[in-house]
Amino acid sequence: MSTRIILVRHAETPGSLERRFTGATDVHLTAAGLEQAAALGRRLKDVAIDAVHVSPLTRCRQTAEAVTSHTGHEAEVTDDLRECHFGILENYTLDEALSEHGNKMIEWFGNEDACPPDGETWVEVGERLNAWLVRTAQDHKDRTVLAVTHGGPVLWLTRHITGAPHSAMAVFDIDPASVTLFQQRNESWRLRLFNDTSHLADPLREHGAARSNLPA
C-alpha cells in the first residue's frame, strides 16, 4: 500500500498566458483554460481519488470543479495551498520586474529568506506547504489525494521531496493544468510523474501545452 499525492497546477489564466507574477491576486481562467480544465477532468475521471484539496483562489477552484464534476467529490478549500504572495511584484511580468527592481531581484529570488516588500518568503511558503504535506500523508495514509494548487507550490514541493537546492525552482517547469505525482512508501517519497500534460497535447511537440515557469 502507498499514499499518493496528485498535484495539479490550475489551468491557463491571463497571468500565466502573459507570464505575470499573479501570486495572491484572484483571477479567473481564460476560455482556453476552461478547455484545459475540462481535458484534465477527463484525464482524471477514472482515477480512484479519495479526497480533493484546493487553493482558495478562483483559478484553482474552477480547475477543481472540472475534476469533481466527474468524481463527485466535494473539494476541501485548503489555505496552505495558496500561491506565494509576491508583494510589490504582483502582476508584473519578469521584464517589468527587472526594469523597475532589477537591483533587488537577485536578492529576492536567490535567497529563500528574502522577499519583495509586502510579500512572502519561500521559507514561509515552504513551512505551510510542508505542514500540509505531512498532515495530508498522515490523515490519508494509503489513499490518493488530489491537490489543485499553483506553480509555486508544485515547484517548492517537488524541490522539497527531491532534496534539490532552492536554485532548482528556476529550472523545474510547471505548465498550466499539468499533473505531478508523489508516492510515499515506508515514509519515503518518490516522484512518479512530473509536469505531465499529455491530456492537452503531445508534450514532445514544441507547441504543446501553454508554458510558463513563473509561479502563478
N, C-alpha and C. Protein backbone atom coordinates (compact mmCIF):
# COMPACT_ATOMS: atom_id res chain seq x y z
N MET A 1 0.84 -1.20 0.00
CA MET A 1 0.00 0.00 0.00
C MET A 1 0.88 1.25 0.00
N SER A 2 0.35 2.33 -0.55
CA SER A 2 1.11 3.57 -0.59
C SER A 2 0.15 4.76 -0.56
N THR A 3 0.70 5.89 -0.18
CA THR A 3 -0.04 7.15 -0.19
C THR A 3 0.36 7.92 -1.44
N ARG A 4 -0.63 8.43 -2.16
CA ARG A 4 -0.34 9.16 -3.39
C ARG A 4 -0.89 10.58 -3.28
N ILE A 5 -0.07 11.53 -3.71
CA ILE A 5 -0.47 12.94 -3.79
C ILE A 5 -0.40 13.35 -5.26
N ILE A 6 -1.55 13.66 -5.84
CA ILE A 6 -1.59 14.16 -7.22
C ILE A 6 -1.66 15.67 -7.16
N LEU A 7 -0.62 16.34 -7.63
CA LEU A 7 -0.57 17.80 -7.64
C LEU A 7 -0.94 18.30 -9.03
N VAL A 8 -1.89 19.22 -9.08
CA VAL A 8 -2.30 19.82 -10.35
C VAL A 8 -2.12 21.32 -10.26
N ARG A 9 -1.45 21.90 -11.23
CA ARG A 9 -1.44 23.36 -11.33
C ARG A 9 -2.72 23.78 -12.04
N HIS A 10 -3.31 24.87 -11.58
CA HIS A 10 -4.52 25.38 -12.22
C HIS A 10 -4.30 25.59 -13.72
N ALA A 11 -5.40 25.63 -14.46
CA ALA A 11 -5.33 25.83 -15.91
C ALA A 11 -5.00 27.29 -16.24
N GLU A 12 -4.94 27.58 -17.53
CA GLU A 12 -4.46 28.89 -18.00
C GLU A 12 -5.30 30.06 -17.50
N THR A 13 -4.59 31.12 -17.10
CA THR A 13 -5.20 32.40 -16.71
C THR A 13 -4.56 33.49 -17.55
N PRO A 14 -5.11 34.71 -17.53
CA PRO A 14 -4.42 35.80 -18.22
C PRO A 14 -2.99 35.98 -17.71
N GLY A 15 -2.78 35.76 -16.40
CA GLY A 15 -1.44 35.93 -15.84
C GLY A 15 -0.46 34.89 -16.33
N SER A 16 -0.89 33.61 -16.40
CA SER A 16 0.04 32.58 -16.88
C SER A 16 0.29 32.75 -18.37
N LEU A 17 -0.72 33.20 -19.11
CA LEU A 17 -0.56 33.43 -20.54
C LEU A 17 0.43 34.55 -20.81
N GLU A 18 0.36 35.61 -20.00
CA GLU A 18 1.24 36.77 -20.18
C GLU A 18 2.50 36.67 -19.33
N ARG A 19 2.67 35.54 -18.63
CA ARG A 19 3.84 35.29 -17.79
C ARG A 19 4.01 36.38 -16.73
N ARG A 20 2.98 36.53 -15.90
CA ARG A 20 2.97 37.50 -14.83
C ARG A 20 3.06 36.81 -13.47
N PHE A 21 3.61 37.52 -12.49
CA PHE A 21 3.62 37.04 -11.11
C PHE A 21 2.24 37.30 -10.50
N THR A 22 1.29 36.43 -10.81
CA THR A 22 -0.08 36.66 -10.36
C THR A 22 -0.21 36.45 -8.86
N GLY A 23 0.47 35.45 -8.32
CA GLY A 23 0.57 35.28 -6.88
C GLY A 23 -0.76 35.25 -6.16
N ALA A 24 -0.94 36.22 -5.25
CA ALA A 24 -2.14 36.27 -4.40
C ALA A 24 -3.32 36.93 -5.09
N THR A 25 -3.13 37.48 -6.28
CA THR A 25 -4.22 38.15 -7.00
C THR A 25 -5.22 37.11 -7.48
N ASP A 26 -6.51 37.39 -7.27
CA ASP A 26 -7.55 36.42 -7.63
C ASP A 26 -8.02 36.67 -9.05
N VAL A 27 -7.77 35.73 -9.94
CA VAL A 27 -8.16 35.85 -11.34
C VAL A 27 -8.90 34.59 -11.77
N HIS A 28 -9.62 34.69 -12.88
CA HIS A 28 -10.36 33.57 -13.43
C HIS A 28 -9.56 32.90 -14.55
N LEU A 29 -9.98 31.70 -14.92
CA LEU A 29 -9.39 31.02 -16.07
C LEU A 29 -9.80 31.71 -17.36
N THR A 30 -8.94 31.61 -18.36
CA THR A 30 -9.30 32.05 -19.70
C THR A 30 -10.22 31.02 -20.34
N ALA A 31 -10.76 31.35 -21.51
CA ALA A 31 -11.58 30.37 -22.24
C ALA A 31 -10.76 29.11 -22.55
N ALA A 32 -9.49 29.32 -22.95
CA ALA A 32 -8.62 28.17 -23.20
C ALA A 32 -8.36 27.40 -21.91
N GLY A 33 -8.26 28.13 -20.79
CA GLY A 33 -8.05 27.49 -19.50
C GLY A 33 -9.21 26.60 -19.10
N LEU A 34 -10.43 27.04 -19.40
CA LEU A 34 -11.60 26.21 -19.11
C LEU A 34 -11.57 24.93 -19.93
N GLU A 35 -11.09 25.03 -21.18
CA GLU A 35 -10.95 23.83 -22.01
C GLU A 35 -9.86 22.90 -21.45
N GLN A 36 -8.76 23.49 -20.98
CA GLN A 36 -7.70 22.69 -20.36
C GLN A 36 -8.23 21.97 -19.12
N ALA A 37 -9.00 22.68 -18.30
CA ALA A 37 -9.55 22.07 -17.09
C ALA A 37 -10.49 20.93 -17.44
N ALA A 38 -11.28 21.10 -18.49
CA ALA A 38 -12.18 20.03 -18.92
C ALA A 38 -11.39 18.80 -19.37
N ALA A 39 -10.28 19.03 -20.09
CA ALA A 39 -9.43 17.91 -20.52
C ALA A 39 -8.80 17.22 -19.31
N LEU A 40 -8.41 18.01 -18.32
CA LEU A 40 -7.87 17.45 -17.09
C LEU A 40 -8.91 16.59 -16.38
N GLY A 41 -10.15 17.08 -16.33
CA GLY A 41 -11.23 16.31 -15.71
C GLY A 41 -11.43 14.97 -16.38
N ARG A 42 -11.36 14.97 -17.72
CA ARG A 42 -11.49 13.70 -18.45
C ARG A 42 -10.32 12.78 -18.15
N ARG A 43 -9.13 13.36 -18.01
CA ARG A 43 -7.93 12.56 -17.70
C ARG A 43 -8.06 11.85 -16.35
N LEU A 44 -8.67 12.53 -15.38
CA LEU A 44 -8.69 12.03 -14.01
C LEU A 44 -9.99 11.34 -13.62
N LYS A 45 -10.95 11.29 -14.53
CA LYS A 45 -12.28 10.81 -14.14
C LYS A 45 -12.28 9.35 -13.70
N ASP A 46 -11.35 8.55 -14.18
CA ASP A 46 -11.31 7.14 -13.80
C ASP A 46 -10.24 6.82 -12.75
N VAL A 47 -9.60 7.87 -12.22
CA VAL A 47 -8.59 7.67 -11.17
C VAL A 47 -9.30 7.58 -9.83
N ALA A 48 -8.90 6.62 -9.01
CA ALA A 48 -9.53 6.43 -7.70
C ALA A 48 -9.00 7.49 -6.73
N ILE A 49 -9.71 8.61 -6.64
CA ILE A 49 -9.30 9.73 -5.78
C ILE A 49 -10.16 9.70 -4.51
N ASP A 50 -9.50 9.77 -3.36
CA ASP A 50 -10.20 9.69 -2.08
C ASP A 50 -10.55 11.05 -1.49
N ALA A 51 -9.79 12.08 -1.83
CA ALA A 51 -10.06 13.42 -1.31
C ALA A 51 -9.49 14.44 -2.28
N VAL A 52 -10.11 15.62 -2.30
CA VAL A 52 -9.66 16.71 -3.17
C VAL A 52 -9.43 17.95 -2.30
N HIS A 53 -8.23 18.49 -2.35
CA HIS A 53 -7.89 19.73 -1.67
C HIS A 53 -7.65 20.80 -2.72
N VAL A 54 -8.04 22.03 -2.44
CA VAL A 54 -7.91 23.08 -3.44
C VAL A 54 -7.54 24.41 -2.79
N SER A 55 -6.67 25.15 -3.44
CA SER A 55 -6.34 26.51 -3.02
C SER A 55 -7.61 27.36 -3.04
N PRO A 56 -7.70 28.36 -2.16
CA PRO A 56 -8.91 29.19 -2.13
C PRO A 56 -9.10 30.11 -3.32
N LEU A 57 -8.08 30.28 -4.16
CA LEU A 57 -8.19 31.24 -5.26
C LEU A 57 -9.04 30.68 -6.40
N THR A 58 -9.74 31.58 -7.07
CA THR A 58 -10.77 31.20 -8.05
C THR A 58 -10.21 30.31 -9.15
N ARG A 59 -9.02 30.61 -9.64
CA ARG A 59 -8.47 29.84 -10.76
C ARG A 59 -8.30 28.36 -10.41
N CYS A 60 -7.97 28.09 -9.14
CA CYS A 60 -7.83 26.70 -8.70
C CYS A 60 -9.20 26.06 -8.48
N ARG A 61 -10.12 26.81 -7.93
CA ARG A 61 -11.45 26.26 -7.68
C ARG A 61 -12.15 25.94 -9.00
N GLN A 62 -11.97 26.80 -10.01
CA GLN A 62 -12.54 26.50 -11.33
C GLN A 62 -11.93 25.23 -11.92
N THR A 63 -10.62 25.08 -11.76
CA THR A 63 -9.94 23.88 -12.27
C THR A 63 -10.43 22.64 -11.53
N ALA A 64 -10.56 22.74 -10.22
CA ALA A 64 -11.01 21.59 -9.42
C ALA A 64 -12.43 21.18 -9.79
N GLU A 65 -13.28 22.14 -10.12
CA GLU A 65 -14.67 21.82 -10.47
C GLU A 65 -14.75 20.91 -11.68
N ALA A 66 -13.82 21.06 -12.60
CA ALA A 66 -13.81 20.22 -13.80
C ALA A 66 -13.49 18.77 -13.45
N VAL A 67 -12.78 18.56 -12.33
CA VAL A 67 -12.47 17.21 -11.89
C VAL A 67 -13.59 16.66 -11.01
N THR A 68 -14.05 17.44 -10.04
CA THR A 68 -15.07 16.96 -9.12
C THR A 68 -16.40 16.72 -9.81
N SER A 69 -16.62 17.37 -10.95
CA SER A 69 -17.86 17.10 -11.69
C SER A 69 -17.90 15.66 -12.19
N HIS A 70 -16.71 15.06 -12.37
CA HIS A 70 -16.63 13.65 -12.78
C HIS A 70 -16.57 12.71 -11.58
N THR A 71 -15.80 13.10 -10.55
CA THR A 71 -15.57 12.19 -9.43
C THR A 71 -16.66 12.25 -8.37
N GLY A 72 -17.37 13.37 -8.30
CA GLY A 72 -18.41 13.51 -7.29
C GLY A 72 -17.90 13.96 -5.94
N HIS A 73 -16.59 14.14 -5.79
CA HIS A 73 -16.03 14.61 -4.53
C HIS A 73 -16.29 16.10 -4.35
N GLU A 74 -16.45 16.51 -3.12
CA GLU A 74 -16.50 17.93 -2.82
C GLU A 74 -15.10 18.38 -2.44
N ALA A 75 -14.61 19.43 -3.09
CA ALA A 75 -13.24 19.89 -2.83
C ALA A 75 -13.18 20.61 -1.49
N GLU A 76 -12.15 20.31 -0.72
CA GLU A 76 -11.90 20.98 0.56
C GLU A 76 -10.96 22.15 0.33
N VAL A 77 -11.44 23.36 0.57
CA VAL A 77 -10.60 24.55 0.39
C VAL A 77 -9.51 24.55 1.46
N THR A 78 -8.26 24.64 1.01
CA THR A 78 -7.09 24.49 1.89
C THR A 78 -6.18 25.68 1.71
N ASP A 79 -6.16 26.56 2.70
CA ASP A 79 -5.42 27.82 2.59
C ASP A 79 -3.92 27.59 2.41
N ASP A 80 -3.39 26.49 2.95
CA ASP A 80 -1.95 26.23 2.83
C ASP A 80 -1.51 26.05 1.38
N LEU A 81 -2.44 25.77 0.46
CA LEU A 81 -2.10 25.51 -0.94
C LEU A 81 -2.09 26.78 -1.79
N ARG A 82 -2.32 27.94 -1.17
CA ARG A 82 -2.34 29.17 -1.96
C ARG A 82 -0.95 29.48 -2.51
N GLU A 83 -0.91 30.33 -3.53
CA GLU A 83 0.34 30.71 -4.16
C GLU A 83 1.14 31.65 -3.26
N CYS A 84 2.43 31.75 -3.52
CA CYS A 84 3.28 32.73 -2.86
C CYS A 84 2.76 34.14 -3.14
N HIS A 85 2.80 35.00 -2.13
CA HIS A 85 2.44 36.41 -2.31
C HIS A 85 3.69 37.15 -2.73
N PHE A 86 3.65 37.81 -3.90
CA PHE A 86 4.85 38.45 -4.44
C PHE A 86 4.94 39.94 -4.10
N GLY A 87 4.11 40.42 -3.18
CA GLY A 87 4.23 41.79 -2.70
C GLY A 87 4.15 42.81 -3.83
N ILE A 88 5.12 43.71 -3.87
CA ILE A 88 5.07 44.79 -4.87
C ILE A 88 5.26 44.28 -6.29
N LEU A 89 5.65 43.02 -6.45
CA LEU A 89 5.82 42.46 -7.79
C LEU A 89 4.55 41.81 -8.33
N GLU A 90 3.48 41.79 -7.54
CA GLU A 90 2.23 41.19 -8.00
C GLU A 90 1.81 41.78 -9.36
N ASN A 91 1.54 40.89 -10.30
CA ASN A 91 1.04 41.21 -11.64
C ASN A 91 2.10 41.82 -12.56
N TYR A 92 3.36 41.85 -12.13
CA TYR A 92 4.44 42.27 -13.02
C TYR A 92 4.83 41.09 -13.91
N THR A 93 5.26 41.39 -15.14
CA THR A 93 5.99 40.40 -15.91
C THR A 93 7.43 40.40 -15.41
N LEU A 94 8.19 39.38 -15.80
CA LEU A 94 9.59 39.34 -15.38
C LEU A 94 10.34 40.55 -15.92
N ASP A 95 10.10 40.93 -17.16
CA ASP A 95 10.78 42.09 -17.74
C ASP A 95 10.44 43.36 -16.98
N GLU A 96 9.17 43.53 -16.60
CA GLU A 96 8.76 44.70 -15.84
C GLU A 96 9.42 44.73 -14.46
N ALA A 97 9.48 43.55 -13.84
CA ALA A 97 10.10 43.46 -12.52
C ALA A 97 11.59 43.80 -12.60
N LEU A 98 12.26 43.30 -13.63
CA LEU A 98 13.68 43.59 -13.79
C LEU A 98 13.91 45.05 -14.10
N SER A 99 13.01 45.65 -14.87
CA SER A 99 13.14 47.06 -15.24
C SER A 99 13.01 47.97 -14.03
N GLU A 100 12.06 47.67 -13.14
CA GLU A 100 11.79 48.55 -12.01
C GLU A 100 12.57 48.17 -10.75
N HIS A 101 12.92 46.89 -10.62
CA HIS A 101 13.56 46.44 -9.38
C HIS A 101 14.74 45.51 -9.67
N GLY A 102 15.39 45.72 -10.79
CA GLY A 102 16.47 44.82 -11.19
C GLY A 102 17.57 44.68 -10.17
N ASN A 103 17.87 45.77 -9.44
CA ASN A 103 18.95 45.73 -8.47
C ASN A 103 18.62 44.88 -7.26
N LYS A 104 17.34 44.54 -7.08
CA LYS A 104 16.93 43.75 -5.92
C LYS A 104 16.47 42.34 -6.29
N MET A 105 16.25 42.08 -7.58
CA MET A 105 15.65 40.81 -7.98
C MET A 105 16.50 39.59 -7.59
N ILE A 106 17.82 39.71 -7.77
CA ILE A 106 18.69 38.58 -7.43
C ILE A 106 18.60 38.27 -5.95
N GLU A 107 18.56 39.32 -5.12
CA GLU A 107 18.44 39.12 -3.68
C GLU A 107 17.10 38.47 -3.34
N TRP A 108 16.02 38.97 -3.91
CA TRP A 108 14.68 38.47 -3.57
C TRP A 108 14.48 37.03 -4.01
N PHE A 109 14.95 36.70 -5.21
CA PHE A 109 14.68 35.38 -5.75
C PHE A 109 15.83 34.40 -5.59
N GLY A 110 16.98 34.89 -5.14
CA GLY A 110 18.10 33.99 -4.92
C GLY A 110 18.25 33.57 -3.47
N ASN A 111 17.40 34.12 -2.60
CA ASN A 111 17.52 33.87 -1.17
C ASN A 111 16.15 33.47 -0.63
N GLU A 112 16.06 32.30 -0.04
CA GLU A 112 14.78 31.81 0.48
C GLU A 112 14.23 32.68 1.60
N ASP A 113 15.10 33.41 2.28
CA ASP A 113 14.68 34.23 3.42
C ASP A 113 14.32 35.65 3.03
N ALA A 114 14.49 35.99 1.75
CA ALA A 114 14.20 37.35 1.30
C ALA A 114 12.90 37.36 0.50
N CYS A 115 12.27 38.52 0.44
CA CYS A 115 11.05 38.65 -0.36
C CYS A 115 10.85 40.10 -0.73
N PRO A 116 10.09 40.36 -1.80
CA PRO A 116 9.76 41.74 -2.14
C PRO A 116 8.95 42.36 -1.01
N PRO A 117 9.01 43.69 -0.83
CA PRO A 117 8.20 44.33 0.21
C PRO A 117 6.74 43.92 0.11
N ASP A 118 6.14 43.65 1.27
CA ASP A 118 4.74 43.22 1.40
C ASP A 118 4.51 41.82 0.86
N GLY A 119 5.58 41.09 0.57
CA GLY A 119 5.44 39.75 0.02
C GLY A 119 5.73 38.67 1.04
N GLU A 120 5.94 37.46 0.55
CA GLU A 120 6.13 36.27 1.37
C GLU A 120 7.43 35.60 0.97
N THR A 121 8.23 35.17 1.93
CA THR A 121 9.46 34.46 1.60
C THR A 121 9.15 33.02 1.23
N TRP A 122 10.08 32.38 0.50
CA TRP A 122 9.89 30.97 0.18
C TRP A 122 10.01 30.09 1.41
N VAL A 123 10.72 30.56 2.43
CA VAL A 123 10.76 29.82 3.69
C VAL A 123 9.36 29.77 4.30
N GLU A 124 8.66 30.90 4.29
CA GLU A 124 7.30 30.95 4.82
C GLU A 124 6.36 30.08 4.00
N VAL A 125 6.49 30.16 2.68
CA VAL A 125 5.67 29.32 1.81
C VAL A 125 5.94 27.84 2.11
N GLY A 126 7.22 27.50 2.22
CA GLY A 126 7.60 26.11 2.46
C GLY A 126 7.09 25.58 3.78
N GLU A 127 7.06 26.42 4.80
CA GLU A 127 6.58 25.96 6.11
C GLU A 127 5.12 25.53 6.04
N ARG A 128 4.29 26.30 5.36
CA ARG A 128 2.88 25.91 5.29
C ARG A 128 2.67 24.73 4.35
N LEU A 129 3.45 24.66 3.27
CA LEU A 129 3.31 23.54 2.35
C LEU A 129 3.79 22.23 2.98
N ASN A 130 4.89 22.28 3.71
CA ASN A 130 5.37 21.07 4.36
C ASN A 130 4.39 20.61 5.44
N ALA A 131 3.83 21.56 6.17
CA ALA A 131 2.83 21.20 7.18
C ALA A 131 1.64 20.51 6.52
N TRP A 132 1.21 21.03 5.36
CA TRP A 132 0.10 20.40 4.64
C TRP A 132 0.48 19.00 4.17
N LEU A 133 1.68 18.83 3.62
CA LEU A 133 2.11 17.53 3.11
C LEU A 133 2.16 16.49 4.22
N VAL A 134 2.75 16.84 5.36
CA VAL A 134 2.85 15.91 6.49
C VAL A 134 1.46 15.55 7.00
N ARG A 135 0.62 16.57 7.19
CA ARG A 135 -0.73 16.33 7.71
C ARG A 135 -1.56 15.47 6.75
N THR A 136 -1.44 15.75 5.47
CA THR A 136 -2.22 15.02 4.47
C THR A 136 -1.78 13.57 4.38
N ALA A 137 -0.48 13.34 4.43
CA ALA A 137 0.03 11.97 4.39
C ALA A 137 -0.42 11.17 5.61
N GLN A 138 -0.51 11.83 6.76
CA GLN A 138 -0.98 11.15 7.97
C GLN A 138 -2.48 10.88 7.92
N ASP A 139 -3.24 11.90 7.50
CA ASP A 139 -4.70 11.78 7.52
C ASP A 139 -5.24 10.88 6.42
N HIS A 140 -4.47 10.72 5.34
CA HIS A 140 -4.94 9.93 4.19
C HIS A 140 -3.94 8.82 3.84
N LYS A 141 -3.42 8.19 4.87
CA LYS A 141 -2.43 7.13 4.65
C LYS A 141 -3.02 6.04 3.76
N ASP A 142 -2.23 5.62 2.77
CA ASP A 142 -2.60 4.58 1.81
C ASP A 142 -3.82 4.97 0.96
N ARG A 143 -4.02 6.26 0.80
CA ARG A 143 -5.08 6.75 -0.07
C ARG A 143 -4.50 7.72 -1.08
N THR A 144 -5.35 8.21 -1.96
CA THR A 144 -4.93 9.15 -3.02
C THR A 144 -5.62 10.48 -2.81
N VAL A 145 -4.83 11.54 -2.75
CA VAL A 145 -5.34 12.90 -2.57
C VAL A 145 -4.96 13.73 -3.79
N LEU A 146 -5.95 14.41 -4.35
CA LEU A 146 -5.71 15.36 -5.43
C LEU A 146 -5.63 16.76 -4.84
N ALA A 147 -4.57 17.50 -5.15
CA ALA A 147 -4.41 18.87 -4.68
C ALA A 147 -4.31 19.79 -5.89
N VAL A 148 -5.28 20.70 -6.02
CA VAL A 148 -5.27 21.67 -7.11
C VAL A 148 -4.69 22.97 -6.56
N THR A 149 -3.53 23.35 -7.06
CA THR A 149 -2.78 24.45 -6.47
C THR A 149 -2.15 25.31 -7.57
N HIS A 150 -0.98 25.86 -7.32
CA HIS A 150 -0.35 26.83 -8.20
C HIS A 150 1.06 26.37 -8.58
N GLY A 151 1.67 27.12 -9.49
CA GLY A 151 3.01 26.76 -9.93
C GLY A 151 4.03 26.78 -8.81
N GLY A 152 3.99 27.83 -7.97
CA GLY A 152 4.95 27.94 -6.88
C GLY A 152 4.92 26.78 -5.91
N PRO A 153 3.75 26.41 -5.39
CA PRO A 153 3.69 25.26 -4.50
C PRO A 153 4.15 23.95 -5.14
N VAL A 154 3.81 23.71 -6.41
CA VAL A 154 4.29 22.49 -7.06
C VAL A 154 5.81 22.53 -7.18
N LEU A 155 6.36 23.68 -7.52
CA LEU A 155 7.81 23.81 -7.60
C LEU A 155 8.45 23.53 -6.24
N TRP A 156 7.95 24.16 -5.19
CA TRP A 156 8.56 24.00 -3.87
C TRP A 156 8.45 22.57 -3.39
N LEU A 157 7.28 21.96 -3.52
CA LEU A 157 7.10 20.59 -3.03
C LEU A 157 7.97 19.59 -3.80
N THR A 158 8.11 19.80 -5.11
CA THR A 158 8.97 18.92 -5.91
C THR A 158 10.42 19.06 -5.47
N ARG A 159 10.84 20.28 -5.29
CA ARG A 159 12.19 20.53 -4.81
C ARG A 159 12.38 19.92 -3.42
N HIS A 160 11.37 20.01 -2.58
CA HIS A 160 11.46 19.51 -1.20
C HIS A 160 11.64 17.99 -1.17
N ILE A 161 10.82 17.24 -1.90
CA ILE A 161 10.91 15.78 -1.80
C ILE A 161 12.13 15.23 -2.54
N THR A 162 12.65 15.99 -3.50
CA THR A 162 13.83 15.52 -4.22
C THR A 162 15.13 15.98 -3.57
N GLY A 163 15.02 16.85 -2.56
CA GLY A 163 16.22 17.36 -1.90
C GLY A 163 17.02 18.31 -2.76
N ALA A 164 16.37 18.93 -3.75
CA ALA A 164 17.07 19.86 -4.66
C ALA A 164 17.26 21.21 -3.98
N PRO A 165 18.28 21.97 -4.39
CA PRO A 165 18.50 23.29 -3.80
C PRO A 165 17.46 24.29 -4.27
N HIS A 166 17.41 25.42 -3.60
CA HIS A 166 16.45 26.47 -3.95
C HIS A 166 16.58 26.89 -5.41
N SER A 167 17.79 26.88 -5.94
CA SER A 167 18.02 27.30 -7.33
C SER A 167 17.30 26.40 -8.33
N ALA A 168 16.95 25.18 -7.92
CA ALA A 168 16.26 24.26 -8.83
C ALA A 168 14.88 24.77 -9.21
N MET A 169 14.31 25.66 -8.41
CA MET A 169 12.99 26.17 -8.72
C MET A 169 12.99 27.01 -9.99
N ALA A 170 14.15 27.49 -10.40
CA ALA A 170 14.25 28.22 -11.66
C ALA A 170 14.47 27.29 -12.85
N VAL A 171 14.69 26.00 -12.55
CA VAL A 171 14.96 25.01 -13.60
C VAL A 171 13.73 24.15 -13.87
N PHE A 172 13.03 23.71 -12.81
CA PHE A 172 11.80 22.95 -12.98
C PHE A 172 10.78 23.79 -13.73
N ASP A 173 9.96 23.14 -14.53
CA ASP A 173 8.95 23.85 -15.32
C ASP A 173 7.58 23.25 -15.01
N ILE A 174 6.63 24.09 -14.62
CA ILE A 174 5.30 23.63 -14.26
C ILE A 174 4.28 24.31 -15.17
N ASP A 175 3.66 23.54 -16.05
CA ASP A 175 2.71 24.09 -17.00
C ASP A 175 1.30 24.18 -16.42
N PRO A 176 0.48 25.09 -16.96
CA PRO A 176 -0.93 25.12 -16.56
C PRO A 176 -1.60 23.77 -16.83
N ALA A 177 -2.44 23.35 -15.89
CA ALA A 177 -3.22 22.10 -15.98
C ALA A 177 -2.34 20.86 -16.04
N SER A 178 -1.11 20.97 -15.56
CA SER A 178 -0.21 19.81 -15.56
C SER A 178 -0.43 18.95 -14.32
N VAL A 179 0.03 17.71 -14.41
CA VAL A 179 -0.12 16.72 -13.34
C VAL A 179 1.26 16.27 -12.86
N THR A 180 1.45 16.30 -11.55
CA THR A 180 2.67 15.79 -10.91
C THR A 180 2.24 14.81 -9.83
N LEU A 181 2.92 13.68 -9.73
CA LEU A 181 2.51 12.62 -8.81
C LEU A 181 3.63 12.27 -7.84
N PHE A 182 3.33 12.36 -6.52
CA PHE A 182 4.21 11.89 -5.46
C PHE A 182 3.63 10.60 -4.90
N GLN A 183 4.51 9.67 -4.55
CA GLN A 183 4.07 8.43 -3.91
C GLN A 183 4.94 8.17 -2.69
N GLN A 184 4.29 7.87 -1.56
CA GLN A 184 5.02 7.60 -0.32
C GLN A 184 4.89 6.14 0.07
N ARG A 185 6.04 5.48 0.23
CA ARG A 185 6.09 4.12 0.75
C ARG A 185 7.13 4.09 1.86
N ASN A 186 6.78 3.48 2.99
CA ASN A 186 7.72 3.35 4.11
C ASN A 186 8.32 4.69 4.49
N GLU A 187 7.47 5.71 4.53
CA GLU A 187 7.84 7.06 4.96
C GLU A 187 8.74 7.79 3.97
N SER A 188 9.04 7.20 2.82
CA SER A 188 9.89 7.85 1.82
C SER A 188 9.05 8.26 0.61
N TRP A 189 9.30 9.46 0.12
CA TRP A 189 8.57 9.97 -1.04
C TRP A 189 9.32 9.64 -2.33
N ARG A 190 8.56 9.38 -3.39
CA ARG A 190 9.10 9.17 -4.72
C ARG A 190 8.36 10.09 -5.69
N LEU A 191 9.07 10.62 -6.67
CA LEU A 191 8.46 11.42 -7.73
C LEU A 191 8.14 10.48 -8.88
N ARG A 192 6.85 10.18 -9.10
CA ARG A 192 6.45 9.19 -10.08
C ARG A 192 6.06 9.81 -11.43
N LEU A 193 5.63 11.06 -11.41
CA LEU A 193 5.21 11.75 -12.63
C LEU A 193 5.44 13.23 -12.41
N PHE A 194 5.94 13.92 -13.44
CA PHE A 194 6.27 15.33 -13.25
C PHE A 194 5.80 16.16 -14.44
N ASN A 195 5.01 17.21 -14.15
CA ASN A 195 4.60 18.19 -15.16
C ASN A 195 4.02 17.52 -16.40
N ASP A 196 3.18 16.52 -16.20
CA ASP A 196 2.62 15.79 -17.34
C ASP A 196 1.44 16.55 -17.93
N THR A 197 1.48 16.79 -19.24
CA THR A 197 0.40 17.50 -19.94
C THR A 197 -0.09 16.69 -21.14
N SER A 198 0.09 15.38 -21.09
CA SER A 198 -0.28 14.56 -22.24
C SER A 198 -1.78 14.59 -22.53
N HIS A 199 -2.59 15.02 -21.55
CA HIS A 199 -4.02 15.16 -21.78
C HIS A 199 -4.36 16.42 -22.58
N LEU A 200 -3.38 17.30 -22.75
CA LEU A 200 -3.59 18.54 -23.50
C LEU A 200 -3.02 18.45 -24.91
N ALA A 201 -1.83 17.91 -25.03
CA ALA A 201 -1.14 17.81 -26.33
C ALA A 201 0.07 16.92 -26.15
N ASP A 202 0.68 16.56 -27.26
CA ASP A 202 1.91 15.78 -27.20
C ASP A 202 3.01 16.64 -26.58
N PRO A 203 3.51 16.28 -25.37
CA PRO A 203 4.50 17.13 -24.71
C PRO A 203 5.84 17.21 -25.43
N LEU A 204 6.07 16.32 -26.42
CA LEU A 204 7.31 16.37 -27.18
C LEU A 204 7.27 17.39 -28.31
N ARG A 205 6.08 17.89 -28.60
CA ARG A 205 5.96 18.88 -29.67
C ARG A 205 6.18 20.27 -29.09
N GLU A 206 6.82 21.12 -29.86
CA GLU A 206 7.19 22.45 -29.39
C GLU A 206 5.99 23.26 -28.94
N HIS A 207 4.87 23.13 -29.63
CA HIS A 207 3.70 23.94 -29.31
C HIS A 207 2.62 23.07 -28.67
N GLY A 208 3.02 22.39 -27.60
CA GLY A 208 2.06 21.59 -26.84
C GLY A 208 1.29 22.46 -25.88
N ALA A 209 1.39 22.17 -24.60
CA ALA A 209 0.66 22.95 -23.60
C ALA A 209 1.23 24.35 -23.49
N ALA A 210 0.38 25.30 -23.05
CA ALA A 210 0.86 26.64 -22.79
C ALA A 210 1.92 26.57 -21.70
N ARG A 211 3.03 27.27 -21.89
CA ARG A 211 4.15 27.11 -20.98
C ARG A 211 4.42 28.40 -20.23
N SER A 212 4.69 28.26 -18.94
CA SER A 212 5.12 29.38 -18.12
C SER A 212 5.74 28.83 -16.85
N ASN A 213 6.99 29.20 -16.58
CA ASN A 213 7.60 28.71 -15.34
C ASN A 213 7.56 29.77 -14.26
N LEU A 214 6.81 30.87 -14.49
CA LEU A 214 6.60 31.84 -13.43
C LEU A 214 5.52 31.32 -12.50
N PRO A 215 5.75 31.34 -11.18
CA PRO A 215 4.68 30.93 -10.26
C PRO A 215 3.46 31.82 -10.44
N ALA A 216 2.30 31.22 -10.47
CA ALA A 216 1.07 31.97 -10.62
C ALA A 216 -0.10 31.20 -10.03
